[in-house]
Each structure stands twice: as C-alpha cells, then as structure tokens.
C-alpha cells in the first residue's frame, strides 16, 4: 500500500483566512451599499407618489368647489 502525502509549496493555492475575511467584508459592504441605494430610490418613488396624490386631491377639491358654485348660481 502506498500513501501519498500532499505537500504544499511555499505559496498556498487557497487564500488565507484574512484574505477570505477581507473578501467577505468587501462583499457585505457592496451588498449593504446596493441595499441603501435601493432604499433611497424607493423613498424617492414614495415621495413622488405622495406629491402626486396630494396634487390629485387638490385638483379634485377644486373640481368639487366649482361644481358646488355652479349649482348655487343657478
């Protein structure tokens, strides 16, 4: 029976723990930044929709006001 040992040369093919942690840290930082950007865009969309809703409510109240005034004048 022959036993073969894996002998590693001076440079390891696998990244060491610190390199793995750095890579993970960078990946998590990237994901966090992307999530923050998505949240900011969603907030901007919500603000725009809120402004649009208020504008439509103002337009509706104006139409209702005009309608009431027309009935009163008759």
Protein backbone atom coordinates (compact mmCIF):
# COMPACT_ATOMS: atom_id res chain seq x y z
CA UNK A 1 0.00 0.00 0.00
CA UNK A 2 1.32 3.43 -0.98
CA UNK A 3 0.42 6.54 0.97
CA UNK A 4 0.62 9.79 -0.97
CA UNK A 5 1.00 12.97 1.04
CA UNK A 6 0.01 16.34 -0.28
CA UNK A 7 2.98 18.60 0.16
CA UNK A 8 2.22 22.25 -0.30
CA UNK A 9 4.75 24.52 -1.85
CA UNK A 10 5.62 27.87 -0.29
CA UNK A 11 2.63 29.70 -1.79
CA UNK A 12 -0.72 28.29 -0.86
CA UNK A 13 -3.32 27.96 -3.60
CA UNK A 14 -6.11 28.72 -1.13
CA UNK A 15 -6.39 32.25 0.23
CA UNK A 16 -5.56 32.57 3.87
CA UNK A 17 -8.19 33.41 6.47
CA UNK A 18 -7.51 37.13 6.42
CA UNK A 19 -7.91 37.27 2.64
CA UNK A 20 -11.17 35.33 2.90
CA UNK A 21 -12.43 37.69 5.62
CA UNK A 22 -11.42 40.73 3.57
CA UNK A 23 -13.24 39.34 0.55
CA UNK A 24 -16.33 38.62 2.64
CA UNK A 25 -16.18 42.09 4.20
CA UNK A 26 -15.97 43.73 0.77
CA UNK A 27 -18.88 41.62 -0.49
CA UNK A 28 -21.05 42.54 2.51
CA UNK A 29 -20.12 46.22 2.16
CA UNK A 30 -21.09 46.10 -1.52
CA UNK A 31 -24.41 44.44 -0.70
CA UNK A 32 -25.14 46.98 2.02
CA UNK A 33 -24.41 49.84 -0.37
CA UNK A 34 -26.70 48.34 -3.00
CA UNK A 35 -29.47 47.89 -0.42
CA UNK A 36 -29.06 51.51 0.69
CA UNK A 37 -29.30 52.68 -2.92
CA UNK A 38 -32.46 50.61 -3.47
CA UNK A 39 -33.95 52.03 -0.26
CA UNK A 40 -33.13 55.59 -1.34
CA UNK A 41 -34.73 55.05 -4.76
CA UNK A 42 -37.81 53.53 -3.11
CA UNK A 43 -38.03 56.52 -0.79
CA UNK A 44 -37.79 58.90 -3.75
CA UNK A 45 -40.56 56.99 -5.55
CA UNK A 46 -42.72 57.13 -2.42
CA UNK A 47 -42.16 60.88 -2.12
CA UNK A 48 -43.09 61.37 -5.77
CA UNK A 49 -46.23 59.26 -5.38
CA UNK A 50 -47.20 61.21 -2.25
CA UNK A 51 -46.80 64.54 -4.10
CA UNK A 52 -48.87 63.18 -6.98
CA UNK A 53 -51.60 62.00 -4.58
CA UNK A 54 -51.75 65.42 -2.88
CA UNK A 55 -51.88 67.16 -6.25
CA UNK A 56 -54.78 64.95 -7.36
CA UNK A 57 -56.61 65.64 -4.10
CA UNK A 58 -56.19 69.39 -4.69
CA UNK A 59 -57.47 69.05 -8.24
CA UNK A 60 -60.45 67.01 -7.02
CA UNK A 61 -61.34 69.57 -4.36
CA UNK A 62 -61.11 72.34 -6.97
CA UNK A 63 -63.48 70.48 -9.30
CA UNK A 64 -65.88 69.85 -6.40
CA UNK A 65 -65.74 73.53 -5.43
CA UNK A 66 -66.51 74.63 -8.99
CA UNK A 67 -69.35 72.16 -9.22
CA UNK A 68 -70.91 73.47 -5.99
CA UNK A 69 -70.57 77.07 -7.17
CA UNK A 70 -72.28 76.32 -10.50
CA UNK A 71 -75.25 74.80 -8.65
CA UNK A 72 -75.51 77.84 -6.36
CA UNK A 73 -75.51 80.32 -9.26
CA UNK A 74 -78.45 78.64 -10.96
